[in-house]
Amino acid sequence: MAQVLSNENQLLLKTILERKPESLKELEEATGRSSSNLSRTLKTMARYGIVKMEKVNRNLKPVVEATDFSVQFGLYADGRR
């Protein structure tokens, strides 16, 4: 999860929120990230429910679904979960 919410990916989410790109191509131009990198990252974020990809005409439009995150975890010495 830490990798999904890396500083670089937080900046990506902020860019999507602020610029509201209509396509991956627009997002690629706004961020300077390659289309393959964006596609892979956005698919991962979509699996976590952070973004969704809307099909608009022939384009995929990224939309941020989650802006607040809370992560809980516990470590137990005795093997409990």
Protein backbone atom coordinates (compact mmCIF):
# COMPACT_ATOMS: atom_id res chain seq x y z
CA MET A 1 0.00 0.00 0.00
CA ALA A 2 2.88 2.38 0.74
CA GLN A 3 4.07 2.07 -2.85
CA VAL A 4 0.58 2.83 -4.19
CA LEU A 5 0.49 6.02 -2.10
CA SER A 6 4.09 7.07 -2.78
CA ASN A 7 4.84 10.79 -3.07
CA GLU A 8 4.91 10.45 -6.86
CA ASN A 9 1.49 8.79 -6.91
CA GLN A 10 0.04 11.35 -4.49
CA LEU A 11 1.16 14.02 -6.95
CA LEU A 12 -0.53 12.04 -9.73
CA LEU A 13 -3.81 12.01 -7.78
CA LYS A 14 -3.51 15.75 -7.13
CA THR A 15 -2.93 16.37 -10.85
CA ILE A 16 -6.03 14.36 -11.75
CA LEU A 17 -8.11 16.28 -9.19
CA GLU A 18 -6.88 19.69 -10.29
CA ARG A 19 -6.63 19.28 -14.07
CA LYS A 20 -9.46 16.79 -14.62
CA PRO A 21 -7.87 15.22 -17.71
CA GLU A 22 -10.29 13.81 -20.28
CA SER A 23 -7.92 11.02 -21.32
CA LEU A 24 -4.74 9.16 -20.42
CA LYS A 25 -3.01 11.14 -23.18
CA GLU A 26 -3.89 14.42 -21.44
CA LEU A 27 -2.66 13.00 -18.14
CA GLU A 28 0.55 11.82 -19.80
CA GLU A 29 1.16 15.35 -21.11
CA ALA A 30 0.37 16.92 -17.73
CA THR A 31 2.65 14.62 -15.73
CA GLY A 32 5.45 13.69 -18.13
CA ARG A 33 4.95 10.03 -17.18
CA SER A 34 4.81 7.41 -19.91
CA SER A 35 1.47 5.94 -20.91
CA SER A 36 2.58 2.44 -19.86
CA ASN A 37 3.61 3.72 -16.42
CA LEU A 38 0.34 5.61 -15.99
CA SER A 39 -1.74 2.67 -17.16
CA ARG A 40 -0.05 0.28 -14.73
CA THR A 41 -0.27 2.73 -11.82
CA LEU A 42 -3.92 3.61 -12.46
CA LYS A 43 -4.90 -0.07 -12.76
CA THR A 44 -3.31 -0.72 -9.38
CA MET A 45 -5.04 2.30 -7.84
CA ALA A 46 -8.35 1.16 -9.34
CA ARG A 47 -7.98 -2.24 -7.63
CA TYR A 48 -7.73 -0.39 -4.30
CA GLY A 49 -10.74 1.81 -5.15
CA ILE A 50 -8.63 4.98 -5.27
CA VAL A 51 -9.43 5.85 -8.88
CA LYS A 52 -11.82 4.64 -11.53
CA MET A 53 -11.43 4.73 -15.28
CA GLU A 54 -14.48 6.01 -17.13
CA LYS A 55 -14.87 5.19 -20.79
CA VAL A 56 -15.69 8.42 -22.65
CA ASN A 57 -16.03 7.90 -26.39
CA ARG A 58 -12.80 6.08 -27.24
CA ASN A 59 -10.82 7.41 -24.30
CA LEU A 60 -10.32 6.29 -20.73
CA LYS A 61 -10.80 9.18 -18.32
CA PRO A 62 -9.18 8.87 -14.86
CA VAL A 63 -11.39 9.97 -11.95
CA VAL A 64 -10.24 10.10 -8.32
CA GLU A 65 -12.61 8.18 -6.04
CA ALA A 66 -10.79 8.49 -2.70
CA THR A 67 -8.92 11.46 -1.26
CA ASP A 68 -8.61 10.53 2.42
CA PHE A 69 -6.74 7.44 3.55
CA SER A 70 -6.45 5.61 6.83
CA VAL A 71 -4.22 2.57 7.19
CA GLN A 72 -4.36 0.29 10.21
CA PHE A 73 -2.12 -2.64 10.93
CA GLY A 74 -0.95 -4.55 13.92
CA LEU A 75 2.12 -6.59 14.71
CA TYR A 76 1.87 -9.32 17.31
CA ALA A 77 4.78 -11.24 18.75
CA ASP A 78 2.64 -14.27 19.60
CA GLY A 79 1.31 -14.84 16.08
CA ARG A 80 -2.19 -13.44 16.72
CA ARG A 81 -3.98 -11.62 13.93
